[in-house]
């Protein structure tokens, strides 16, 4: 498996679909499905049955979006960029924005 270009906590921009142009934070990545959940993007309405812990009704939540339709936000100007990898002198592998050459900050 190749190294992950999009990770949880990244700021991403939607490239295609009804939410094109919107940006948000990645909540969850599903590599097996080639999809990700992005906060505030691809909102779907679901009917929820009432349970002991949750009330019923229609709730809005994020739906998964294909990884090909999102791109990492460039840390310099906020525009979508491709992701590359670079090995630093201390041997650490980091992600860089192809657009500006800037290092993409880790959110862990």
Protein backbone atom coordinates (compact mmCIF):
# COMPACT_ATOMS: atom_id res chain seq x y z
CA UNK A 1 0.00 0.00 0.00
CA UNK A 2 1.29 3.46 -0.89
CA UNK A 3 1.72 6.24 1.64
CA UNK A 4 -1.44 8.20 2.43
CA UNK A 5 -1.70 11.51 0.58
CA UNK A 6 -4.86 12.56 2.45
CA UNK A 7 -5.03 12.01 6.20
CA UNK A 8 -7.45 12.69 9.05
CA UNK A 9 -7.27 16.33 10.13
CA UNK A 10 -6.16 17.67 6.72
CA UNK A 11 -7.82 20.75 5.27
CA UNK A 12 -9.15 19.77 1.83
CA UNK A 13 -10.96 21.41 -1.10
CA UNK A 14 -13.75 19.66 -3.05
CA UNK A 15 -12.93 19.51 -6.79
CA UNK A 16 -16.14 17.99 -8.20
CA UNK A 17 -19.78 17.35 -7.37
CA UNK A 18 -22.53 19.44 -5.80
CA UNK A 19 -20.15 20.78 -3.11
CA UNK A 20 -17.45 21.86 -5.59
CA UNK A 21 -15.31 24.69 -4.20
CA UNK A 22 -16.19 24.01 -0.56
CA UNK A 23 -13.43 23.25 1.90
CA UNK A 24 -13.40 21.39 5.18
CA UNK A 25 -11.48 19.15 7.52
CA UNK A 26 -11.18 15.40 6.95
CA UNK A 27 -12.99 13.58 9.78
CA UNK A 28 -12.27 10.02 8.63
CA UNK A 29 -10.48 8.28 5.73
CA UNK A 30 -11.68 4.92 4.41
CA UNK A 31 -8.82 3.61 2.24
CA UNK A 32 -10.58 0.31 1.51
CA UNK A 33 -13.50 2.18 -0.05
CA UNK A 34 -11.27 4.93 -1.53
CA UNK A 35 -13.46 7.50 0.25
CA UNK A 36 -13.30 10.10 3.02
CA UNK A 37 -15.68 12.02 5.29
CA UNK A 38 -15.20 15.81 5.18
CA UNK A 39 -16.82 18.11 7.78
CA UNK A 40 -19.74 20.06 6.28
CA UNK A 41 -19.42 18.48 2.81
CA UNK A 42 -21.83 16.05 1.07
CA UNK A 43 -24.45 16.43 3.79
CA UNK A 44 -27.16 13.75 3.64
CA UNK A 45 -30.39 13.52 5.62
CA UNK A 46 -31.06 10.28 7.43
CA UNK A 47 -34.15 9.06 9.27
CA UNK A 48 -33.13 8.04 12.80
CA UNK A 49 -35.22 5.74 14.95
CA UNK A 50 -35.52 6.78 18.57
CA UNK A 51 -33.34 4.87 21.03
CA UNK A 52 -32.47 5.15 24.71
CA UNK A 53 -29.45 7.37 23.96
CA UNK A 54 -30.69 9.33 20.93
CA UNK A 55 -33.98 10.95 19.96
CA UNK A 56 -35.59 10.09 16.64
CA UNK A 57 -36.21 12.30 13.62
CA UNK A 58 -34.37 13.36 10.50
CA UNK A 59 -30.70 14.10 11.11
CA UNK A 60 -28.10 15.58 8.75
CA UNK A 61 -24.68 14.01 8.60
CA UNK A 62 -21.69 13.86 6.29
CA UNK A 63 -21.68 11.30 3.51
CA UNK A 64 -18.47 9.78 2.17
CA UNK A 65 -16.86 11.52 -0.83
CA UNK A 66 -14.46 9.86 -3.28
CA UNK A 67 -10.78 10.66 -2.72
CA UNK A 68 -10.41 11.61 -6.40
CA UNK A 69 -12.85 14.50 -5.84
CA UNK A 70 -10.90 16.16 -3.03
CA UNK A 71 -7.45 17.77 -2.93
CA UNK A 72 -5.32 18.95 -0.02
CA UNK A 73 -5.39 22.72 0.60
CA UNK A 74 -2.05 24.43 0.02
CA UNK A 75 -0.81 25.74 3.41
CA UNK A 76 0.43 28.93 1.70
CA UNK A 77 -2.62 30.18 -0.25
CA UNK A 78 -5.49 27.76 0.48
CA UNK A 79 -5.86 26.61 -3.12
CA UNK A 80 -6.04 22.89 -4.03
CA UNK A 81 -2.70 21.18 -4.61
CA UNK A 82 -1.29 17.77 -5.37
CA UNK A 83 0.77 16.03 -2.71
CA UNK A 84 4.36 14.87 -3.02
CA UNK A 85 6.78 13.27 -0.60
CA UNK A 86 10.24 14.34 0.49
CA UNK A 87 12.74 12.66 2.81
CA UNK A 88 14.36 15.16 5.18
CA UNK A 89 18.04 15.02 6.16
CA UNK A 90 17.12 13.31 9.46
CA UNK A 91 15.43 10.49 7.49
CA UNK A 92 11.84 11.60 8.20
CA UNK A 93 9.40 11.33 5.28
CA UNK A 94 7.10 14.36 4.97
CA UNK A 95 4.30 15.42 2.63
CA UNK A 96 4.85 18.54 0.55
CA UNK A 97 2.46 20.66 -1.54
CA UNK A 98 3.44 20.39 -5.21
CA UNK A 99 2.03 23.89 -5.83
CA UNK A 100 4.25 25.84 -3.41
CA UNK A 101 6.79 23.28 -2.22
CA UNK A 102 5.62 23.99 1.35
CA UNK A 103 5.53 21.18 3.92
CA UNK A 104 2.01 20.02 4.83
CA UNK A 105 1.64 20.20 8.64
CA UNK A 106 0.82 16.97 10.50
CA UNK A 107 -2.28 16.96 12.73
CA UNK A 108 -1.73 14.19 15.27
